[in-house]
Amino acid sequence: MTTRDSESLIEGRARELEEALREKGVRITRQRAALIEVLSRAEDHPDANELHRRAQDLDASVSLSTVYRTLSVLEQQNVVHRHAFEGAPARFEPADAPHHDHIIDIETGDVLEFHDERIEKLQAEIAEELGYEVVRHRLELYCRKRKG
C-alpha cells in the first residue's frame, strides 16, 4: 500500500467514525477529534488506556471518561470492534479492517492478525455438514513462542 493509499484509508476511516458519532448526536469536540485521529491511525489493538495516552499526545485535555464514552458510542454504531481477549483489558480496532483472526501471545500480550483461507474453508464445510451457514465468526488462538 502506498503512502497515499494509506492516508486515504485513514481519512476515510476518520470520516466514518465522525459520522457515526454525529448520527448519535455526539458533538465532535477537540478531545474527540484527537481520539478519532488516534483510532484512525491505529495499526494495532490498543486498549482504552493506550488510546487515552495516544490521544493526550495530540490534546492533553482528553480525559479517560471521554475515551470510554466515545468508544461505547462507536461500538454501538458498529464502526469499532471491542475484543475482550482472555486475561487482558478490552482492546479496540476499527470495524472496516478486512476479516482476520488473532493470535494472542500469552507471555507478552502481543496480538497478531492473520487470515488463512484453509481455516475459512474448513469452518464453512463443518457448518454446512451440520446444516448451517457461517454468518460471522471470531477465532482467537492463545499461544506462546516455541523454544529452540
N, C-alpha and C. Protein backbone atom coordinates (compact mmCIF):
# COMPACT_ATOMS: atom_id res chain seq x y z
N MET A 1 0.84 -1.17 0.00
CA MET A 1 0.00 0.00 0.00
C MET A 1 0.89 1.24 0.00
N THR A 2 0.60 2.16 -0.88
CA THR A 2 1.39 3.38 -0.95
C THR A 2 1.03 4.32 0.20
N THR A 3 1.88 5.29 0.45
CA THR A 3 1.62 6.29 1.49
C THR A 3 0.32 7.02 1.19
N ARG A 4 0.11 7.30 -0.08
CA ARG A 4 -1.12 8.00 -0.49
C ARG A 4 -2.36 7.14 -0.19
N ASP A 5 -2.30 5.85 -0.52
CA ASP A 5 -3.41 4.94 -0.23
C ASP A 5 -3.66 4.85 1.27
N SER A 6 -2.57 4.78 2.02
CA SER A 6 -2.68 4.69 3.48
C SER A 6 -3.35 5.92 4.05
N GLU A 7 -2.94 7.10 3.60
CA GLU A 7 -3.54 8.35 4.08
C GLU A 7 -5.01 8.43 3.69
N SER A 8 -5.34 7.94 2.50
CA SER A 8 -6.73 7.93 2.04
C SER A 8 -7.58 7.02 2.93
N LEU A 9 -7.03 5.86 3.28
CA LEU A 9 -7.73 4.93 4.18
C LEU A 9 -7.95 5.58 5.54
N ILE A 10 -6.94 6.23 6.07
CA ILE A 10 -7.03 6.88 7.38
C ILE A 10 -8.08 7.99 7.35
N GLU A 11 -8.08 8.81 6.29
CA GLU A 11 -9.05 9.89 6.17
C GLU A 11 -10.47 9.35 6.07
N GLY A 12 -10.65 8.29 5.29
CA GLY A 12 -11.97 7.68 5.15
C GLY A 12 -12.46 7.09 6.47
N ARG A 13 -11.56 6.46 7.17
CA ARG A 13 -11.89 5.88 8.47
C ARG A 13 -12.28 6.98 9.46
N ALA A 14 -11.54 8.08 9.46
CA ALA A 14 -11.85 9.20 10.36
C ALA A 14 -13.24 9.76 10.04
N ARG A 15 -13.56 9.93 8.76
CA ARG A 15 -14.89 10.43 8.37
C ARG A 15 -15.99 9.49 8.86
N GLU A 16 -15.76 8.19 8.71
CA GLU A 16 -16.77 7.21 9.14
C GLU A 16 -16.99 7.27 10.65
N LEU A 17 -15.91 7.40 11.41
CA LEU A 17 -16.03 7.50 12.87
C LEU A 17 -16.78 8.78 13.26
N GLU A 18 -16.44 9.89 12.62
CA GLU A 18 -17.13 11.16 12.90
C GLU A 18 -18.61 11.05 12.57
N GLU A 19 -18.94 10.50 11.42
CA GLU A 19 -20.35 10.37 11.01
C GLU A 19 -21.12 9.50 12.00
N ALA A 20 -20.50 8.43 12.47
CA ALA A 20 -21.17 7.55 13.43
C ALA A 20 -21.48 8.29 14.72
N LEU A 21 -20.56 9.13 15.17
CA LEU A 21 -20.80 9.91 16.37
C LEU A 21 -21.91 10.94 16.13
N ARG A 22 -21.85 11.62 15.01
CA ARG A 22 -22.87 12.65 14.71
C ARG A 22 -24.26 12.02 14.60
N GLU A 23 -24.35 10.81 14.03
CA GLU A 23 -25.64 10.13 13.92
C GLU A 23 -26.27 9.90 15.29
N LYS A 24 -25.45 9.75 16.30
CA LYS A 24 -25.94 9.54 17.66
C LYS A 24 -26.04 10.86 18.43
N GLY A 25 -25.85 11.98 17.72
CA GLY A 25 -25.98 13.28 18.36
C GLY A 25 -24.79 13.69 19.21
N VAL A 26 -23.65 13.06 18.98
CA VAL A 26 -22.44 13.36 19.76
C VAL A 26 -21.63 14.42 19.01
N ARG A 27 -21.33 15.51 19.70
CA ARG A 27 -20.53 16.59 19.10
C ARG A 27 -19.08 16.15 18.93
N ILE A 28 -18.45 16.65 17.88
CA ILE A 28 -17.03 16.36 17.64
C ILE A 28 -16.22 17.48 18.28
N THR A 29 -15.82 17.26 19.52
CA THR A 29 -15.01 18.22 20.26
C THR A 29 -13.54 18.02 19.88
N ARG A 30 -12.67 18.93 20.34
CA ARG A 30 -11.22 18.75 20.11
C ARG A 30 -10.75 17.42 20.67
N GLN A 31 -11.25 17.07 21.86
CA GLN A 31 -10.83 15.83 22.50
C GLN A 31 -11.26 14.61 21.67
N ARG A 32 -12.50 14.63 21.20
CA ARG A 32 -12.98 13.51 20.38
C ARG A 32 -12.25 13.47 19.04
N ALA A 33 -11.94 14.62 18.49
CA ALA A 33 -11.19 14.67 17.23
C ALA A 33 -9.81 14.02 17.41
N ALA A 34 -9.19 14.26 18.55
CA ALA A 34 -7.88 13.64 18.83
C ALA A 34 -8.03 12.12 18.92
N LEU A 35 -9.08 11.66 19.60
CA LEU A 35 -9.31 10.21 19.71
C LEU A 35 -9.60 9.60 18.34
N ILE A 36 -10.39 10.29 17.53
CA ILE A 36 -10.69 9.80 16.18
C ILE A 36 -9.40 9.68 15.37
N GLU A 37 -8.54 10.66 15.49
CA GLU A 37 -7.24 10.62 14.79
C GLU A 37 -6.45 9.39 15.22
N VAL A 38 -6.39 9.16 16.51
CA VAL A 38 -5.64 8.02 17.04
C VAL A 38 -6.25 6.70 16.56
N LEU A 39 -7.56 6.56 16.66
CA LEU A 39 -8.23 5.33 16.22
C LEU A 39 -8.04 5.10 14.72
N SER A 40 -8.10 6.16 13.96
CA SER A 40 -7.97 6.05 12.50
C SER A 40 -6.60 5.57 12.08
N ARG A 41 -5.58 5.93 12.87
CA ARG A 41 -4.20 5.59 12.53
C ARG A 41 -3.71 4.30 13.20
N ALA A 42 -4.47 3.77 14.14
CA ALA A 42 -4.01 2.60 14.89
C ALA A 42 -3.85 1.39 13.97
N GLU A 43 -2.70 0.78 14.05
CA GLU A 43 -2.43 -0.44 13.28
C GLU A 43 -2.34 -1.64 14.20
N ASP A 44 -2.60 -1.40 15.48
CA ASP A 44 -2.55 -2.48 16.47
C ASP A 44 -3.92 -2.58 17.14
N HIS A 45 -3.97 -3.15 18.30
CA HIS A 45 -5.22 -3.34 19.03
C HIS A 45 -5.09 -2.67 20.40
N PRO A 46 -5.09 -1.34 20.44
CA PRO A 46 -4.87 -0.66 21.72
C PRO A 46 -6.06 -0.79 22.67
N ASP A 47 -5.76 -0.80 23.97
CA ASP A 47 -6.83 -0.76 24.96
C ASP A 47 -7.18 0.70 25.23
N ALA A 48 -8.19 0.95 26.06
CA ALA A 48 -8.65 2.31 26.31
C ALA A 48 -7.56 3.17 26.92
N ASN A 49 -6.77 2.60 27.83
CA ASN A 49 -5.69 3.38 28.44
C ASN A 49 -4.65 3.80 27.42
N GLU A 50 -4.32 2.90 26.49
CA GLU A 50 -3.34 3.25 25.45
C GLU A 50 -3.92 4.28 24.49
N LEU A 51 -5.20 4.14 24.14
CA LEU A 51 -5.84 5.15 23.29
C LEU A 51 -5.84 6.51 23.99
N HIS A 52 -6.10 6.50 25.28
CA HIS A 52 -6.09 7.73 26.08
C HIS A 52 -4.70 8.37 26.04
N ARG A 53 -3.68 7.57 26.26
CA ARG A 53 -2.30 8.08 26.24
C ARG A 53 -1.96 8.70 24.89
N ARG A 54 -2.31 7.99 23.81
CA ARG A 54 -2.01 8.48 22.46
C ARG A 54 -2.80 9.76 22.15
N ALA A 55 -4.06 9.78 22.55
CA ALA A 55 -4.89 10.97 22.30
C ALA A 55 -4.36 12.16 23.08
N GLN A 56 -3.87 11.92 24.29
CA GLN A 56 -3.31 13.02 25.09
C GLN A 56 -2.04 13.58 24.45
N ASP A 57 -1.33 12.77 23.67
CA ASP A 57 -0.18 13.29 22.94
C ASP A 57 -0.61 14.36 21.93
N LEU A 58 -1.85 14.25 21.44
CA LEU A 58 -2.38 15.22 20.49
C LEU A 58 -3.11 16.37 21.18
N ASP A 59 -3.77 16.05 22.30
CA ASP A 59 -4.52 17.06 23.05
C ASP A 59 -4.51 16.63 24.52
N ALA A 60 -3.75 17.34 25.32
CA ALA A 60 -3.55 16.98 26.73
C ALA A 60 -4.84 17.00 27.55
N SER A 61 -5.90 17.63 27.04
CA SER A 61 -7.14 17.73 27.80
C SER A 61 -8.06 16.51 27.64
N VAL A 62 -7.67 15.53 26.82
CA VAL A 62 -8.51 14.35 26.62
C VAL A 62 -8.58 13.57 27.93
N SER A 63 -9.80 13.29 28.38
CA SER A 63 -9.99 12.53 29.62
C SER A 63 -10.27 11.07 29.30
N LEU A 64 -9.97 10.21 30.25
CA LEU A 64 -10.24 8.79 30.08
C LEU A 64 -11.74 8.54 29.95
N SER A 65 -12.56 9.32 30.66
CA SER A 65 -14.01 9.13 30.56
C SER A 65 -14.50 9.48 29.15
N THR A 66 -13.91 10.48 28.51
CA THR A 66 -14.27 10.80 27.12
C THR A 66 -13.92 9.64 26.20
N VAL A 67 -12.77 9.03 26.44
CA VAL A 67 -12.36 7.86 25.63
C VAL A 67 -13.39 6.74 25.78
N TYR A 68 -13.75 6.41 27.01
CA TYR A 68 -14.71 5.31 27.24
C TYR A 68 -16.08 5.63 26.64
N ARG A 69 -16.57 6.85 26.84
CA ARG A 69 -17.90 7.20 26.31
C ARG A 69 -17.89 7.17 24.78
N THR A 70 -16.84 7.69 24.19
CA THR A 70 -16.75 7.73 22.72
C THR A 70 -16.63 6.32 22.15
N LEU A 71 -15.82 5.48 22.77
CA LEU A 71 -15.68 4.10 22.32
C LEU A 71 -17.01 3.36 22.40
N SER A 72 -17.76 3.62 23.45
CA SER A 72 -19.05 2.97 23.64
C SER A 72 -20.01 3.32 22.49
N VAL A 73 -20.06 4.58 22.12
CA VAL A 73 -20.92 5.01 21.02
C VAL A 73 -20.44 4.40 19.70
N LEU A 74 -19.14 4.43 19.46
CA LEU A 74 -18.60 3.87 18.22
C LEU A 74 -18.84 2.37 18.12
N GLU A 75 -18.79 1.70 19.25
CA GLU A 75 -19.08 0.26 19.26
C GLU A 75 -20.56 0.02 18.97
N GLN A 76 -21.44 0.80 19.57
CA GLN A 76 -22.89 0.68 19.30
C GLN A 76 -23.20 0.90 17.83
N GLN A 77 -22.45 1.79 17.21
CA GLN A 77 -22.66 2.11 15.80
C GLN A 77 -21.95 1.12 14.87
N ASN A 78 -21.30 0.13 15.44
CA ASN A 78 -20.61 -0.92 14.66
C ASN A 78 -19.49 -0.39 13.77
N VAL A 79 -18.80 0.65 14.21
CA VAL A 79 -17.66 1.13 13.44
C VAL A 79 -16.35 0.85 14.17
N VAL A 80 -16.47 0.35 15.40
CA VAL A 80 -15.32 -0.08 16.18
C VAL A 80 -15.66 -1.43 16.78
N HIS A 81 -14.72 -2.35 16.73
CA HIS A 81 -14.90 -3.66 17.37
C HIS A 81 -14.14 -3.69 18.69
N ARG A 82 -14.80 -4.24 19.70
CA ARG A 82 -14.18 -4.45 21.00
C ARG A 82 -13.77 -5.92 21.06
N HIS A 83 -12.52 -6.16 21.42
CA HIS A 83 -12.04 -7.52 21.60
C HIS A 83 -11.70 -7.72 23.07
N ALA A 84 -12.35 -8.67 23.68
CA ALA A 84 -12.08 -8.98 25.08
C ALA A 84 -11.23 -10.25 25.13
N PHE A 85 -9.96 -10.09 24.88
CA PHE A 85 -9.05 -11.23 24.90
C PHE A 85 -8.85 -11.67 26.34
N GLU A 86 -8.83 -12.96 26.52
CA GLU A 86 -8.70 -13.57 27.84
C GLU A 86 -7.55 -12.98 28.65
N GLY A 87 -7.84 -12.59 29.88
CA GLY A 87 -6.80 -12.13 30.79
C GLY A 87 -6.24 -10.75 30.50
N ALA A 88 -6.94 -9.96 29.69
CA ALA A 88 -6.42 -8.64 29.33
C ALA A 88 -7.58 -7.65 29.22
N PRO A 89 -7.28 -6.37 29.36
CA PRO A 89 -8.35 -5.38 29.16
C PRO A 89 -8.85 -5.41 27.72
N ALA A 90 -10.07 -4.96 27.50
CA ALA A 90 -10.63 -4.92 26.15
C ALA A 90 -9.74 -4.07 25.25
N ARG A 91 -9.61 -4.51 24.03
CA ARG A 91 -8.85 -3.78 23.02
C ARG A 91 -9.79 -3.43 21.88
N PHE A 92 -9.39 -2.44 21.10
CA PHE A 92 -10.29 -1.90 20.08
C PHE A 92 -9.59 -1.80 18.73
N GLU A 93 -10.42 -1.94 17.68
CA GLU A 93 -9.92 -1.73 16.33
C GLU A 93 -11.08 -1.27 15.45
N PRO A 94 -10.79 -0.46 14.44
CA PRO A 94 -11.85 -0.05 13.51
C PRO A 94 -12.47 -1.26 12.83
N ALA A 95 -13.77 -1.20 12.61
CA ALA A 95 -14.51 -2.34 12.06
C ALA A 95 -14.32 -2.50 10.56
N ASP A 96 -13.67 -1.55 9.90
CA ASP A 96 -13.54 -1.63 8.45
C ASP A 96 -12.37 -2.50 7.99
N ALA A 97 -11.63 -3.04 8.94
CA ALA A 97 -10.50 -3.91 8.57
C ALA A 97 -11.03 -5.19 7.91
N PRO A 98 -10.33 -5.70 6.93
CA PRO A 98 -10.76 -6.97 6.33
C PRO A 98 -10.80 -8.07 7.39
N HIS A 99 -11.63 -9.09 7.16
CA HIS A 99 -11.75 -10.17 8.14
C HIS A 99 -10.38 -10.76 8.45
N HIS A 100 -10.16 -11.02 9.72
CA HIS A 100 -8.93 -11.66 10.15
C HIS A 100 -9.17 -12.32 11.50
N ASP A 101 -8.27 -13.20 11.85
CA ASP A 101 -8.30 -13.88 13.14
C ASP A 101 -7.12 -13.39 13.95
N HIS A 102 -7.03 -13.85 15.20
CA HIS A 102 -6.00 -13.33 16.09
C HIS A 102 -5.22 -14.44 16.78
N ILE A 103 -3.93 -14.20 16.92
CA ILE A 103 -3.08 -14.99 17.80
C ILE A 103 -2.69 -14.06 18.94
N ILE A 104 -2.91 -14.52 20.17
CA ILE A 104 -2.56 -13.74 21.35
C ILE A 104 -1.39 -14.44 22.02
N ASP A 105 -0.27 -13.74 22.13
CA ASP A 105 0.91 -14.27 22.79
C ASP A 105 0.67 -14.20 24.30
N ILE A 106 0.55 -15.35 24.96
CA ILE A 106 0.18 -15.36 26.38
C ILE A 106 1.30 -14.87 27.29
N GLU A 107 2.50 -14.77 26.76
CA GLU A 107 3.62 -14.29 27.58
C GLU A 107 3.81 -12.79 27.46
N THR A 108 3.58 -12.24 26.28
CA THR A 108 3.81 -10.80 26.07
C THR A 108 2.52 -9.99 25.95
N GLY A 109 1.41 -10.67 25.64
CA GLY A 109 0.15 -9.96 25.42
C GLY A 109 0.03 -9.41 24.00
N ASP A 110 1.06 -9.61 23.17
CA ASP A 110 1.00 -9.13 21.79
C ASP A 110 -0.14 -9.81 21.05
N VAL A 111 -0.78 -9.07 20.16
CA VAL A 111 -1.88 -9.60 19.35
C VAL A 111 -1.44 -9.52 17.90
N LEU A 112 -1.46 -10.66 17.23
CA LEU A 112 -1.10 -10.72 15.81
C LEU A 112 -2.34 -11.07 15.00
N GLU A 113 -2.50 -10.41 13.90
CA GLU A 113 -3.60 -10.71 12.99
C GLU A 113 -3.12 -11.68 11.93
N PHE A 114 -4.04 -12.55 11.52
CA PHE A 114 -3.72 -13.43 10.39
C PHE A 114 -5.02 -13.80 9.68
N HIS A 115 -4.88 -14.22 8.44
CA HIS A 115 -6.01 -14.70 7.65
C HIS A 115 -5.52 -15.91 6.88
N ASP A 116 -6.31 -16.97 6.92
CA ASP A 116 -5.92 -18.19 6.21
C ASP A 116 -7.16 -18.79 5.56
N GLU A 117 -7.15 -18.87 4.25
CA GLU A 117 -8.30 -19.41 3.51
C GLU A 117 -8.60 -20.86 3.87
N ARG A 118 -7.58 -21.62 4.27
CA ARG A 118 -7.82 -23.02 4.65
C ARG A 118 -8.74 -23.09 5.86
N ILE A 119 -8.51 -22.22 6.82
CA ILE A 119 -9.35 -22.19 8.03
C ILE A 119 -10.76 -21.75 7.66
N GLU A 120 -10.86 -20.72 6.84
CA GLU A 120 -12.17 -20.22 6.43
C GLU A 120 -12.97 -21.31 5.73
N LYS A 121 -12.30 -22.02 4.81
CA LYS A 121 -12.96 -23.08 4.05
C LYS A 121 -13.39 -24.22 4.97
N LEU A 122 -12.53 -24.62 5.88
CA LEU A 122 -12.85 -25.72 6.80
C LEU A 122 -14.04 -25.36 7.69
N GLN A 123 -14.07 -24.15 8.20
CA GLN A 123 -15.19 -23.72 9.05
C GLN A 123 -16.50 -23.76 8.27
N ALA A 124 -16.47 -23.29 7.03
CA ALA A 124 -17.67 -23.29 6.19
C ALA A 124 -18.13 -24.73 5.91
N GLU A 125 -17.17 -25.62 5.65
CA GLU A 125 -17.51 -27.02 5.40
C GLU A 125 -18.13 -27.67 6.63
N ILE A 126 -17.57 -27.43 7.80
CA ILE A 126 -18.11 -28.00 9.03
C ILE A 126 -19.52 -27.48 9.29
N ALA A 127 -19.70 -26.17 9.15
CA ALA A 127 -21.03 -25.59 9.35
C ALA A 127 -22.04 -26.21 8.38
N GLU A 128 -21.64 -26.34 7.10
CA GLU A 128 -22.53 -26.91 6.09
C GLU A 128 -22.89 -28.36 6.42
N GLU A 129 -21.91 -29.15 6.84
CA GLU A 129 -22.17 -30.55 7.22
C GLU A 129 -23.19 -30.64 8.35
N LEU A 130 -23.20 -29.66 9.20
CA LEU A 130 -24.13 -29.64 10.34
C LEU A 130 -25.43 -28.88 10.02
N GLY A 131 -25.57 -28.47 8.74
CA GLY A 131 -26.79 -27.80 8.30
C GLY A 131 -26.82 -26.30 8.56
N TYR A 132 -25.65 -25.70 8.66
CA TYR A 132 -25.58 -24.27 8.94
C TYR A 132 -24.77 -23.54 7.87
N GLU A 133 -24.89 -22.23 7.92
CA GLU A 133 -24.11 -21.34 7.07
C GLU A 133 -23.42 -20.35 8.02
N VAL A 134 -22.12 -20.16 7.85
CA VAL A 134 -21.38 -19.23 8.70
C VAL A 134 -21.80 -17.80 8.34
N VAL A 135 -22.25 -17.06 9.35
CA VAL A 135 -22.62 -15.67 9.16
C VAL A 135 -21.45 -14.78 9.56
N ARG A 136 -20.84 -15.10 10.68
CA ARG A 136 -19.62 -14.43 11.14
C ARG A 136 -18.97 -15.34 12.16
N HIS A 137 -17.70 -15.10 12.39
CA HIS A 137 -17.01 -15.87 13.41
C HIS A 137 -15.82 -15.09 13.92
N ARG A 138 -15.32 -15.57 15.03
CA ARG A 138 -14.12 -14.97 15.62
C ARG A 138 -13.24 -16.14 16.07
N LEU A 139 -11.99 -16.09 15.68
CA LEU A 139 -11.05 -17.12 16.09
C LEU A 139 -9.89 -16.46 16.81
N GLU A 140 -9.66 -16.93 18.04
CA GLU A 140 -8.55 -16.42 18.85
C GLU A 140 -7.72 -17.62 19.28
N LEU A 141 -6.45 -17.57 18.96
CA LEU A 141 -5.53 -18.62 19.36
C LEU A 141 -4.60 -18.04 20.43
N TYR A 142 -4.56 -18.67 21.59
CA TYR A 142 -3.69 -18.24 22.68
C TYR A 142 -2.44 -19.10 22.62
N CYS A 143 -1.30 -18.47 22.36
CA CYS A 143 -0.08 -19.20 22.05
C CYS A 143 1.11 -18.66 22.83
N ARG A 144 2.16 -19.46 22.83
CA ARG A 144 3.47 -18.99 23.32
C ARG A 144 4.49 -19.38 22.28
N LYS A 145 5.54 -18.59 22.20
CA LYS A 145 6.62 -18.89 21.24
C LYS A 145 7.24 -20.22 21.60
N ARG A 146 7.55 -21.01 20.59
CA ARG A 146 8.25 -22.27 20.80
C ARG A 146 9.70 -21.98 21.19
N LYS A 147 10.20 -22.76 22.07
CA LYS A 147 11.61 -22.61 22.48
C LYS A 147 12.48 -23.46 21.56
N GLY A 148 13.57 -22.84 21.12
CA GLY A 148 14.53 -23.59 20.32
C GLY A 148 14.15 -23.76 18.96
